Amino acid sequence: MKDLEFIEELKQLIEKEEVPAPAPMEQRWTACSQSSMSPASSSAEYDIFSWVGIIMHLPTTVARQRKEITDEFFHYRHLTQAELWDKYSAYKLCAKIECILS
């Protein structure tokens, strides 16, 4: 149950370091992939992969506030990387930016 242990340790880290992390935490699971290029590639037919999102929201258009939020986000990401990634064989999969324009 390493997937749930990871989330529990992540939650403890957020609370201990007082990280202004958004909630709820995003976690999902997928079956393995037969594609050797997939990050969920596995020769074990019944392997399950857990995906955890570290998400940054930018609810303001004020440049100073956006920079402060971005700096805190990268602190959060580096903190999780230093404390959890090696222990749980975690890695950064991709980055995407989604925008809602009005």
PDB file of N, CA and C in Angstrom:
ATOM      1  N   MET A   1       0.824  -1.200   0.000  1.00  0.00           N
ATOM      2  CA  MET A   1       0.000   0.000   0.000  1.00  0.00           C
ATOM      3  C   MET A   1       0.867   1.263   0.000  1.00  0.00           C
ATOM      4  N   LYS A   2       1.935   1.229  -0.793  1.00  0.00           N
ATOM      5  CA  LYS A   2       2.845   2.380  -0.828  1.00  0.00           C
ATOM      6  C   LYS A   2       2.147   3.636  -1.328  1.00  0.00           C
ATOM      7  N   ASP A   3       1.117   3.471  -2.148  1.00  0.00           N
ATOM      8  CA  ASP A   3       0.407   4.638  -2.674  1.00  0.00           C
ATOM      9  C   ASP A   3      -0.254   5.431  -1.542  1.00  0.00           C
ATOM     10  N   LEU A   4      -0.868   4.743  -0.603  1.00  0.00           N
ATOM     11  CA  LEU A   4      -1.515   5.422   0.522  1.00  0.00           C
ATOM     12  C   LEU A   4      -0.492   5.924   1.537  1.00  0.00           C
ATOM     13  N   GLU A   5       0.613   5.201   1.687  1.00  0.00           N
ATOM     14  CA  GLU A   5       1.685   5.668   2.571  1.00  0.00           C
ATOM     15  C   GLU A   5       2.269   6.975   2.032  1.00  0.00           C
ATOM     16  N   PHE A   6       2.430   7.059   0.712  1.00  0.00           N
ATOM     17  CA  PHE A   6       2.956   8.283   0.100  1.00  0.00           C
ATOM     18  C   PHE A   6       2.042   9.458   0.429  1.00  0.00           C
ATOM     19  N   ILE A   7       0.741   9.284   0.252  1.00  0.00           N
ATOM     20  CA  ILE A   7      -0.207  10.367   0.515  1.00  0.00           C
ATOM     21  C   ILE A   7      -0.178  10.761   1.991  1.00  0.00           C
ATOM     22  N   GLU A   8      -0.089   9.794   2.876  1.00  0.00           N
ATOM     23  CA  GLU A   8      -0.040  10.098   4.308  1.00  0.00           C
ATOM     24  C   GLU A   8       1.229  10.890   4.648  1.00  0.00           C
ATOM     25  N   GLU A   9       2.359  10.473   4.102  1.00  0.00           N
ATOM     26  CA  GLU A   9       3.598  11.211   4.357  1.00  0.00           C
ATOM     27  C   GLU A   9       3.556  12.597   3.722  1.00  0.00           C
ATOM     28  N   LEU A  10       2.967  12.707   2.558  1.00  0.00           N
ATOM     29  CA  LEU A  10       2.815  14.005   1.899  1.00  0.00           C
ATOM     30  C   LEU A  10       1.970  14.936   2.761  1.00  0.00           C
ATOM     31  N   LYS A  11       0.875  14.421   3.275  1.00  0.00           N
ATOM     32  CA  LYS A  11       0.009  15.218   4.147  1.00  0.00           C
ATOM     33  C   LYS A  11       0.761  15.673   5.405  1.00  0.00           C
ATOM     34  N   GLN A  12       1.522  14.785   6.003  1.00  0.00           N
ATOM     35  CA  GLN A  12       2.309  15.134   7.196  1.00  0.00           C
ATOM     36  C   GLN A  12       3.357  16.195   6.869  1.00  0.00           C
ATOM     37  N   LEU A  13       4.001  16.077   5.712  1.00  0.00           N
ATOM     38  CA  LEU A  13       5.003  17.047   5.290  1.00  0.00           C
ATOM     39  C   LEU A  13       4.376  18.422   5.072  1.00  0.00           C
ATOM     40  N   ILE A  14       3.230  18.450   4.439  1.00  0.00           N
ATOM     41  CA  ILE A  14       2.508  19.705   4.203  1.00  0.00           C
ATOM     42  C   ILE A  14       2.167  20.379   5.533  1.00  0.00           C
ATOM     43  N   GLU A  15       1.672  19.597   6.484  1.00  0.00           N
ATOM     44  CA  GLU A  15       1.302  20.149   7.782  1.00  0.00           C
ATOM     45  C   GLU A  15       2.529  20.610   8.567  1.00  0.00           C
ATOM     46  N   LYS A  16       3.594  19.794   8.584  1.00  0.00           N
ATOM     47  CA  LYS A  16       4.805  20.131   9.338  1.00  0.00           C
ATOM     48  C   LYS A  16       5.465  21.401   8.793  1.00  0.00           C
ATOM     49  N   GLU A  17       5.538  21.507   7.482  1.00  0.00           N
ATOM     50  CA  GLU A  17       6.214  22.644   6.843  1.00  0.00           C
ATOM     51  C   GLU A  17       5.270  23.823   6.580  1.00  0.00           C
ATOM     52  N   GLU A  18       3.994  23.648   6.943  1.00  0.00           N
ATOM     53  CA  GLU A  18       2.967  24.673   6.730  1.00  0.00           C
ATOM     54  C   GLU A  18       2.922  25.144   5.276  1.00  0.00           C
ATOM     55  N   VAL A  19       2.928  24.177   4.378  1.00  0.00           N
ATOM     56  CA  VAL A  19       2.870  24.459   2.944  1.00  0.00           C
ATOM     57  C   VAL A  19       1.438  24.837   2.584  1.00  0.00           C
ATOM     58  N   PRO A  20       1.250  25.960   1.882  1.00  0.00           N
ATOM     59  CA  PRO A  20      -0.108  26.346   1.472  1.00  0.00           C
ATOM     60  C   PRO A  20      -0.558  25.539   0.253  1.00  0.00           C
ATOM     61  N   ALA A  21      -0.624  24.235   0.423  1.00  0.00           N
ATOM     62  CA  ALA A  21      -0.974  23.339  -0.682  1.00  0.00           C
ATOM     63  C   ALA A  21      -2.479  23.357  -0.931  1.00  0.00           C
ATOM     64  N   PRO A  22      -2.872  23.345  -2.207  1.00  0.00           N
ATOM     65  CA  PRO A  22      -4.302  23.310  -2.506  1.00  0.00           C
ATOM     66  C   PRO A  22      -4.910  21.955  -2.133  1.00  0.00           C
ATOM     67  N   ALA A  23      -6.185  21.963  -1.906  1.00  0.00           N
ATOM     68  CA  ALA A  23      -6.896  20.730  -1.580  1.00  0.00           C
ATOM     69  C   ALA A  23      -8.143  20.669  -2.450  1.00  0.00           C
ATOM     70  N   PRO A  24      -8.664  19.521  -2.743  1.00  0.00           N
ATOM     71  CA  PRO A  24      -8.175  18.209  -2.314  1.00  0.00           C
ATOM     72  C   PRO A  24      -6.940  17.792  -3.113  1.00  0.00           C
ATOM     73  N   MET A  25      -6.209  16.810  -2.589  1.00  0.00           N
ATOM     74  CA  MET A  25      -5.068  16.252  -3.304  1.00  0.00           C
ATOM     75  C   MET A  25      -5.604  15.389  -4.437  1.00  0.00           C
ATOM     76  N   GLU A  26      -4.942  15.453  -5.563  1.00  0.00           N
ATOM     77  CA  GLU A  26      -5.342  14.637  -6.716  1.00  0.00           C
ATOM     78  C   GLU A  26      -4.543  13.337  -6.692  1.00  0.00           C
ATOM     79  N   GLN A  27      -5.247  12.209  -6.638  1.00  0.00           N
ATOM     80  CA  GLN A  27      -4.590  10.904  -6.731  1.00  0.00           C
ATOM     81  C   GLN A  27      -5.475  10.000  -7.566  1.00  0.00           C
ATOM     82  N   ARG A  28      -4.846   9.298  -8.502  1.00  0.00           N
ATOM     83  CA  ARG A  28      -5.602   8.354  -9.334  1.00  0.00           C
ATOM     84  C   ARG A  28      -4.737   7.142  -9.620  1.00  0.00           C
ATOM     85  N   TRP A  29      -5.358   6.113 -10.125  1.00  0.00           N
ATOM     86  CA  TRP A  29      -4.672   4.848 -10.381  1.00  0.00           C
ATOM     87  C   TRP A  29      -4.959   4.390 -11.800  1.00  0.00           C
ATOM     88  N   THR A  30      -3.970   3.707 -12.401  1.00  0.00           N
ATOM     89  CA  THR A  30      -4.167   3.109 -13.718  1.00  0.00           C
ATOM     90  C   THR A  30      -3.523   1.730 -13.734  1.00  0.00           C
ATOM     91  N   ALA A  31      -3.973   0.937 -14.674  1.00  0.00           N
ATOM     92  CA  ALA A  31      -3.336  -0.357 -14.917  1.00  0.00           C
ATOM     93  C   ALA A  31      -2.016  -0.108 -15.637  1.00  0.00           C
ATOM     94  N   CYS A  32      -1.196  -1.125 -15.720  1.00  0.00           N
ATOM     95  CA  CYS A  32       0.073  -0.980 -16.421  1.00  0.00           C
ATOM     96  C   CYS A  32      -0.172  -0.885 -17.928  1.00  0.00           C
ATOM     97  N   SER A  33       0.854  -0.461 -18.614  1.00  0.00           N
ATOM     98  CA  SER A  33       0.797  -0.323 -20.064  1.00  0.00           C
ATOM     99  C   SER A  33       1.799  -1.284 -20.694  1.00  0.00           C
ATOM    100  N   GLN A  34       1.479  -1.789 -21.861  1.00  0.00           N
ATOM    101  CA  GLN A  34       2.408  -2.661 -22.578  1.00  0.00           C
ATOM    102  C   GLN A  34       3.385  -1.861 -23.424  1.00  0.00           C
ATOM    103  N   SER A  35       3.157  -0.568 -23.547  1.00  0.00           N
ATOM    104  CA  SER A  35       4.052   0.297 -24.302  1.00  0.00           C
ATOM    105  C   SER A  35       5.325   0.544 -23.513  1.00  0.00           C
ATOM    106  N   SER A  36       6.463   0.254 -24.102  1.00  0.00           N
ATOM    107  CA  SER A  36       7.728   0.439 -23.391  1.00  0.00           C
ATOM    108  C   SER A  36       8.047   1.916 -23.144  1.00  0.00           C
ATOM    109  N   MET A  37       7.392   2.832 -23.859  1.00  0.00           N
ATOM    110  CA  MET A  37       7.634   4.264 -23.658  1.00  0.00           C
ATOM    111  C   MET A  37       6.736   4.858 -22.574  1.00  0.00           C
ATOM    112  N   SER A  38       5.785   4.101 -22.092  1.00  0.00           N
ATOM    113  CA  SER A  38       4.866   4.602 -21.077  1.00  0.00           C
ATOM    114  C   SER A  38       5.529   4.634 -19.701  1.00  0.00           C
ATOM    115  N   PRO A  39       5.262   5.681 -18.909  1.00  0.00           N
ATOM    116  CA  PRO A  39       5.782   5.672 -17.534  1.00  0.00           C
ATOM    117  C   PRO A  39       5.121   4.577 -16.687  1.00  0.00           C
ATOM    118  N   ALA A  40       4.039   3.987 -17.196  1.00  0.00           N
ATOM    119  CA  ALA A  40       3.363   2.891 -16.497  1.00  0.00           C
ATOM    120  C   ALA A  40       3.687   1.545 -17.145  1.00  0.00           C
ATOM    121  N   SER A  41       4.796   1.493 -17.844  1.00  0.00           N
ATOM    122  CA  SER A  41       5.207   0.256 -18.505  1.00  0.00           C
ATOM    123  C   SER A  41       5.619  -0.784 -17.478  1.00  0.00           C
ATOM    124  N   SER A  42       5.131  -2.001 -17.675  1.00  0.00           N
ATOM    125  CA  SER A  42       5.483  -3.090 -16.768  1.00  0.00           C
ATOM    126  C   SER A  42       5.244  -4.417 -17.452  1.00  0.00           C
ATOM    127  N   SER A  43       6.118  -5.369 -17.186  1.00  0.00           N
ATOM    128  CA  SER A  43       5.912  -6.718 -17.724  1.00  0.00           C
ATOM    129  C   SER A  43       4.985  -7.532 -16.825  1.00  0.00           C
ATOM    130  N   ALA A  44       4.730  -7.034 -15.620  1.00  0.00           N
ATOM    131  CA  ALA A  44       3.813  -7.707 -14.698  1.00  0.00           C
ATOM    132  C   ALA A  44       2.386  -7.279 -15.043  1.00  0.00           C
ATOM    133  N   GLU A  45       1.604  -8.210 -15.490  1.00  0.00           N
ATOM    134  CA  GLU A  45       0.265  -7.930 -16.022  1.00  0.00           C
ATOM    135  C   GLU A  45      -0.654  -7.187 -15.047  1.00  0.00           C
ATOM    136  N   TYR A  46      -0.520  -7.423 -13.763  1.00  0.00           N
ATOM    137  CA  TYR A  46      -1.460  -6.858 -12.803  1.00  0.00           C
ATOM    138  C   TYR A  46      -0.901  -5.681 -11.997  1.00  0.00           C
ATOM    139  N   ASP A  47       0.234  -5.125 -12.419  1.00  0.00           N
ATOM    140  CA  ASP A  47       0.763  -3.943 -11.727  1.00  0.00           C
ATOM    141  C   ASP A  47      -0.220  -2.779 -11.839  1.00  0.00           C
ATOM    142  N   ILE A  48      -0.297  -1.992 -10.783  1.00  0.00           N
ATOM    143  CA  ILE A  48      -1.148  -0.798 -10.753  1.00  0.00           C
ATOM    144  C   ILE A  48      -0.243   0.394 -10.444  1.00  0.00           C
ATOM    145  N   PHE A  49      -0.493   1.500 -11.116  1.00  0.00           N
ATOM    146  CA  PHE A  49       0.309   2.704 -10.939  1.00  0.00           C
ATOM    147  C   PHE A  49      -0.544   3.797 -10.319  1.00  0.00           C
ATOM    148  N   SER A  50       0.051   4.527  -9.392  1.00  0.00           N
ATOM    149  CA  SER A  50      -0.628   5.625  -8.719  1.00  0.00           C
ATOM    150  C   SER A  50      -0.029   6.937  -9.200  1.00  0.00           C
ATOM    151  N   TRP A  51      -0.897   7.899  -9.468  1.00  0.00           N
ATOM    152  CA  TRP A  51      -0.485   9.217  -9.954  1.00  0.00           C
ATOM    153  C   TRP A  51      -0.969  10.262  -8.952  1.00  0.00           C
ATOM    154  N   VAL A  52      -0.066  11.118  -8.508  1.00  0.00           N
ATOM    155  CA  VAL A  52      -0.406  12.158  -7.533  1.00  0.00           C
ATOM    156  C   VAL A  52      -0.067  13.505  -8.157  1.00  0.00           C
ATOM    157  N   GLY A  53      -1.044  14.389  -8.170  1.00  0.00           N
ATOM    158  CA  GLY A  53      -0.832  15.707  -8.757  1.00  0.00           C
ATOM    159  C   GLY A  53      -0.395  16.724  -7.719  1.00  0.00           C
ATOM    160  N   ILE A  54       0.683  17.432  -8.023  1.00  0.00           N
ATOM    161  CA  ILE A  54       1.083  18.594  -7.225  1.00  0.00           C
ATOM    162  C   ILE A  54       0.661  19.793  -8.058  1.00  0.00           C
ATOM    163  N   ILE A  55      -0.372  20.460  -7.605  1.00  0.00           N
ATOM    164  CA  ILE A  55      -1.079  21.439  -8.435  1.00  0.00           C
ATOM    165  C   ILE A  55      -0.855  22.860  -7.925  1.00  0.00           C
ATOM    166  N   MET A  56      -0.708  23.779  -8.863  1.00  0.00           N
ATOM    167  CA  MET A  56      -0.582  25.193  -8.524  1.00  0.00           C
ATOM    168  C   MET A  56      -1.747  25.942  -9.171  1.00  0.00           C
ATOM    169  N   HIS A  57      -2.444  26.726  -8.370  1.00  0.00           N
ATOM    170  CA  HIS A  57      -3.531  27.571  -8.870  1.00  0.00           C
ATOM    171  C   HIS A  57      -3.066  29.019  -8.836  1.00  0.00           C
ATOM    172  N   LEU A  58      -3.337  29.757  -9.884  1.00  0.00           N
ATOM    173  CA  LEU A  58      -2.992  31.186  -9.952  1.00  0.00           C
ATOM    174  C   LEU A  58      -4.280  31.986 -10.089  1.00  0.00           C
ATOM    175  N   PRO A  59      -4.943  32.281  -8.968  1.00  0.00           N
ATOM    176  CA  PRO A  59      -6.259  32.928  -9.025  1.00  0.00           C
ATOM    177  C   PRO A  59      -6.218  34.449  -9.158  1.00  0.00           C
ATOM    178  N   THR A  60      -5.062  34.993  -9.425  1.00  0.00           N
ATOM    179  CA  THR A  60      -4.936  36.442  -9.486  1.00  0.00           C
ATOM    180  C   THR A  60      -4.188  36.866 -10.745  1.00  0.00           C
ATOM    181  N   THR A  61      -4.389  38.091 -11.158  1.00  0.00           N
ATOM    182  CA  THR A  61      -3.638  38.629 -12.293  1.00  0.00           C
ATOM    183  C   THR A  61      -2.552  39.594 -11.833  1.00  0.00           C
ATOM    184  N   VAL A  62      -2.423  39.788 -10.524  1.00  0.00           N
ATOM    185  CA  VAL A  62      -1.421  40.696  -9.960  1.00  0.00           C
ATOM    186  C   VAL A  62      -0.056  40.003 -10.017  1.00  0.00           C
ATOM    187  N   ALA A  63       0.883  40.594 -10.732  1.00  0.00           N
ATOM    188  CA  ALA A  63       2.188  39.972 -10.981  1.00  0.00           C
ATOM    189  C   ALA A  63       2.915  39.579  -9.702  1.00  0.00           C
ATOM    190  N   ARG A  64       2.943  40.449  -8.706  1.00  0.00           N
ATOM    191  CA  ARG A  64       3.639  40.160  -7.450  1.00  0.00           C
ATOM    192  C   ARG A  64       3.033  38.945  -6.753  1.00  0.00           C
ATOM    193  N   GLN A  65       1.706  38.892  -6.711  1.00  0.00           N
ATOM    194  CA  GLN A  65       1.034  37.753  -6.073  1.00  0.00           C
ATOM    195  C   GLN A  65       1.285  36.464  -6.853  1.00  0.00           C
ATOM    196  N   ARG A  66       1.261  36.542  -8.178  1.00  0.00           N
ATOM    197  CA  ARG A  66       1.531  35.359  -8.993  1.00  0.00           C
ATOM    198  C   ARG A  66       2.950  34.841  -8.746  1.00  0.00           C
ATOM    199  N   LYS A  67       3.909  35.750  -8.596  1.00  0.00           N
ATOM    200  CA  LYS A  67       5.285  35.335  -8.316  1.00  0.00           C
ATOM    201  C   LYS A  67       5.380  34.672  -6.952  1.00  0.00           C
ATOM    202  N   GLU A  68       4.727  35.229  -5.953  1.00  0.00           N
ATOM    203  CA  GLU A  68       4.751  34.634  -4.613  1.00  0.00           C
ATOM    204  C   GLU A  68       4.134  33.235  -4.632  1.00  0.00           C
ATOM    205  N   ILE A  69       3.023  33.075  -5.330  1.00  0.00           N
ATOM    206  CA  ILE A  69       2.370  31.759  -5.438  1.00  0.00           C
ATOM    207  C   ILE A  69       3.293  30.780  -6.153  1.00  0.00           C
ATOM    208  N   THR A  70       3.897  31.226  -7.249  1.00  0.00           N
ATOM    209  CA  THR A  70       4.803  30.367  -8.019  1.00  0.00           C
ATOM    210  C   THR A  70       6.013  29.960  -7.186  1.00  0.00           C
ATOM    211  N   ASP A  71       6.591  30.897  -6.443  1.00  0.00           N
ATOM    212  CA  ASP A  71       7.727  30.575  -5.571  1.00  0.00           C
ATOM    213  C   ASP A  71       7.341  29.532  -4.526  1.00  0.00           C
ATOM    214  N   GLU A  72       6.175  29.679  -3.911  1.00  0.00           N
ATOM    215  CA  GLU A  72       5.695  28.706  -2.919  1.00  0.00           C
ATOM    216  C   GLU A  72       5.450  27.337  -3.559  1.00  0.00           C
ATOM    217  N   PHE A  73       4.922  27.347  -4.776  1.00  0.00           N
ATOM    218  CA  PHE A  73       4.696  26.088  -5.490  1.00  0.00           C
ATOM    219  C   PHE A  73       6.016  25.341  -5.705  1.00  0.00           C
ATOM    220  N   PHE A  74       7.033  26.044  -6.176  1.00  0.00           N
ATOM    221  CA  PHE A  74       8.308  25.379  -6.422  1.00  0.00           C
ATOM    222  C   PHE A  74       8.969  24.933  -5.119  1.00  0.00           C
ATOM    223  N   HIS A  75       8.773  25.681  -4.048  1.00  0.00           N
ATOM    224  CA  HIS A  75       9.252  25.231  -2.731  1.00  0.00           C
ATOM    225  C   HIS A  75       8.569  23.908  -2.365  1.00  0.00           C
ATOM    226  N   TYR A  76       7.258  23.842  -2.557  1.00  0.00           N
ATOM    227  CA  TYR A  76       6.466  22.629  -2.294  1.00  0.00           C
ATOM    228  C   TYR A  76       6.984  21.467  -3.133  1.00  0.00           C
ATOM    229  N   ARG A  77       7.174  21.697  -4.419  1.00  0.00           N
ATOM    230  CA  ARG A  77       7.642  20.627  -5.299  1.00  0.00           C
ATOM    231  C   ARG A  77       9.034  20.155  -4.898  1.00  0.00           C
ATOM    232  N   HIS A  78       9.954  21.074  -4.620  1.00  0.00           N
ATOM    233  CA  HIS A  78      11.318  20.688  -4.234  1.00  0.00           C
ATOM    234  C   HIS A  78      11.328  19.973  -2.880  1.00  0.00           C
ATOM    235  N   LEU A  79      10.470  20.382  -1.980  1.00  0.00           N
ATOM    236  CA  LEU A  79      10.353  19.736  -0.683  1.00  0.00           C
ATOM    237  C   LEU A  79       9.891  18.282  -0.845  1.00  0.00           C
ATOM    238  N   THR A  80       8.871  18.065  -1.656  1.00  0.00           N
ATOM    239  CA  THR A  80       8.404  16.690  -1.881  1.00  0.00           C
ATOM    240  C   THR A  80       9.457  15.871  -2.606  1.00  0.00           C
ATOM    241  N   GLN A  81      10.147  16.502  -3.538  1.00  0.00           N
ATOM    242  CA  GLN A  81      11.197  15.797  -4.265  1.00  0.00           C
ATOM    243  C   GLN A  81      12.304  15.348  -3.304  1.00  0.00           C
ATOM    244  N   ALA A  82      12.740  16.226  -2.434  1.00  0.00           N
ATOM    245  CA  ALA A  82      13.815  15.906  -1.499  1.00  0.00           C
ATOM    246  C   ALA A  82      13.400  14.866  -0.459  1.00  0.00           C
ATOM    247  N   GLU A  83      12.151  14.946   0.002  1.00  0.00           N
ATOM    248  CA  GLU A  83      11.709  14.096   1.109  1.00  0.00           C
ATOM    249  C   GLU A  83      11.061  12.775   0.686  1.00  0.00           C
ATOM    250  N   LEU A  84      10.433  12.735  -0.497  1.00  0.00           N
ATOM    251  CA  LEU A  84       9.587  11.583  -0.818  1.00  0.00           C
ATOM    252  C   LEU A  84       9.911  10.855  -2.123  1.00  0.00           C
ATOM    253  N   TRP A  85      10.411  11.545  -3.106  1.00  0.00           N
ATOM    254  CA  TRP A  85      10.498  10.939  -4.436  1.00  0.00           C
ATOM    255  C   TRP A  85      11.365   9.684  -4.484  1.00  0.00           C
ATOM    256  N   ASP A  86      12.564   9.735  -3.916  1.00  0.00           N
ATOM    257  CA  ASP A  86      13.435   8.553  -3.958  1.00  0.00           C
ATOM    258  C   ASP A  86      12.827   7.387  -3.188  1.00  0.00           C
ATOM    259  N   LYS A  87      12.284   7.676  -2.038  1.00  0.00           N
ATOM    260  CA  LYS A  87      11.697   6.632  -1.186  1.00  0.00           C
ATOM    261  C   LYS A  87      10.577   5.876  -1.900  1.00  0.00           C
ATOM    262  N   TYR A  88       9.794   6.592  -2.735  1.00  0.00           N
ATOM    263  CA  TYR A  88       8.642   5.977  -3.383  1.00  0.00           C
ATOM    264  C   TYR A  88       8.823   5.814  -4.900  1.00  0.00           C
ATOM    265  N   SER A  89      10.048   5.971  -5.382  1.00  0.00           N
ATOM    266  CA  SER A  89      10.331   5.866  -6.826  1.00  0.00           C
ATOM    267  C   SER A  89       9.438   6.796  -7.636  1.00  0.00           C
ATOM    268  N   ALA A  90       9.241   7.980  -7.114  1.00  0.00           N
ATOM    269  CA  ALA A  90       8.390   8.966  -7.778  1.00  0.00           C
ATOM    270  C   ALA A  90       9.238   9.848  -8.689  1.00  0.00           C
ATOM    271  N   TYR A  91       8.594  10.440  -9.668  1.00  0.00           N
ATOM    272  CA  TYR A  91       9.280  11.370 -10.555  1.00  0.00           C
ATOM    273  C   TYR A  91       8.267  12.294 -11.210  1.00  0.00           C
ATOM    274  N   LYS A  92       8.780  13.371 -11.757  1.00  0.00           N
ATOM    275  CA  LYS A  92       7.943  14.341 -12.453  1.00  0.00           C
ATOM    276  C   LYS A  92       7.573  13.752 -13.807  1.00  0.00           C
ATOM    277  N   LEU A  93       6.294  13.677 -14.070  1.00  0.00           N
ATOM    278  CA  LEU A  93       5.838  13.112 -15.335  1.00  0.00           C
ATOM    279  C   LEU A  93       5.760  14.179 -16.413  1.00  0.00           C
ATOM    280  N   CYS A  94       5.050  15.252 -16.126  1.00  0.00           N
ATOM    281  CA  CYS A  94       4.886  16.302 -17.134  1.00  0.00           C
ATOM    282  C   CYS A  94       4.375  17.550 -16.455  1.00  0.00           C
ATOM    283  N   ALA A  95       4.359  18.601 -17.198  1.00  0.00           N
ATOM    284  CA  ALA A  95       3.788  19.845 -16.700  1.00  0.00           C
ATOM    285  C   ALA A  95       2.805  20.332 -17.742  1.00  0.00           C
ATOM    286  N   LYS A  96       1.704  20.836 -17.285  1.00  0.00           N
ATOM    287  CA  LYS A  96       0.743  21.387 -18.231  1.00  0.00           C
ATOM    288  C   LYS A  96       0.146  22.642 -17.642  1.00  0.00           C
ATOM    289  N   ILE A  97      -0.231  23.509 -18.500  1.00  0.00           N
ATOM    290  CA  ILE A  97      -0.852  24.749 -18.094  1.00  0.00           C
ATOM    291  C   ILE A  97      -2.232  24.783 -18.699  1.00  0.00           C
ATOM    292  N   GLU A  98      -3.219  24.978 -17.858  1.00  0.00           N
ATOM    293  CA  GLU A  98      -4.586  25.102 -18.331  1.00  0.00           C
ATOM    294  C   GLU A  98      -5.075  26.504 -17.989  1.00  0.00           C
ATOM    295  N   CYS A  99      -5.687  27.141 -18.919  1.00  0.00           N
ATOM    296  CA  CYS A  99      -6.159  28.502 -18.703  1.00  0.00           C
ATOM    297  C   CYS A  99      -7.652  28.595 -18.996  1.00  0.00           C
ATOM    298  N   ILE A 100      -8.305  29.409 -18.241  1.00  0.00           N
ATOM    299  CA  ILE A 100      -9.694  29.759 -18.534  1.00  0.00           C
ATOM    300  C   ILE A 100      -9.694  31.237 -18.845  1.00  0.00           C
ATOM    301  N   LEU A 101     -10.029  31.563 -20.049  1.00  0.00           N
ATOM    302  CA  LEU A 101     -10.040  32.958 -20.472  1.00  0.00           C
ATOM    303  C   LEU A 101     -11.464  33.471 -20.494  1.00  0.00           C
ATOM    304  N   SER A 102     -11.636  34.683 -20.004  1.00  0.00           N
ATOM    305  CA  SER A 102     -12.982  35.261 -20.031  1.00  0.00           C
ATOM    306  C   SER A 102     -13.032  36.421 -20.992  1.00  0.00           C
TER     307      SER A 102
END
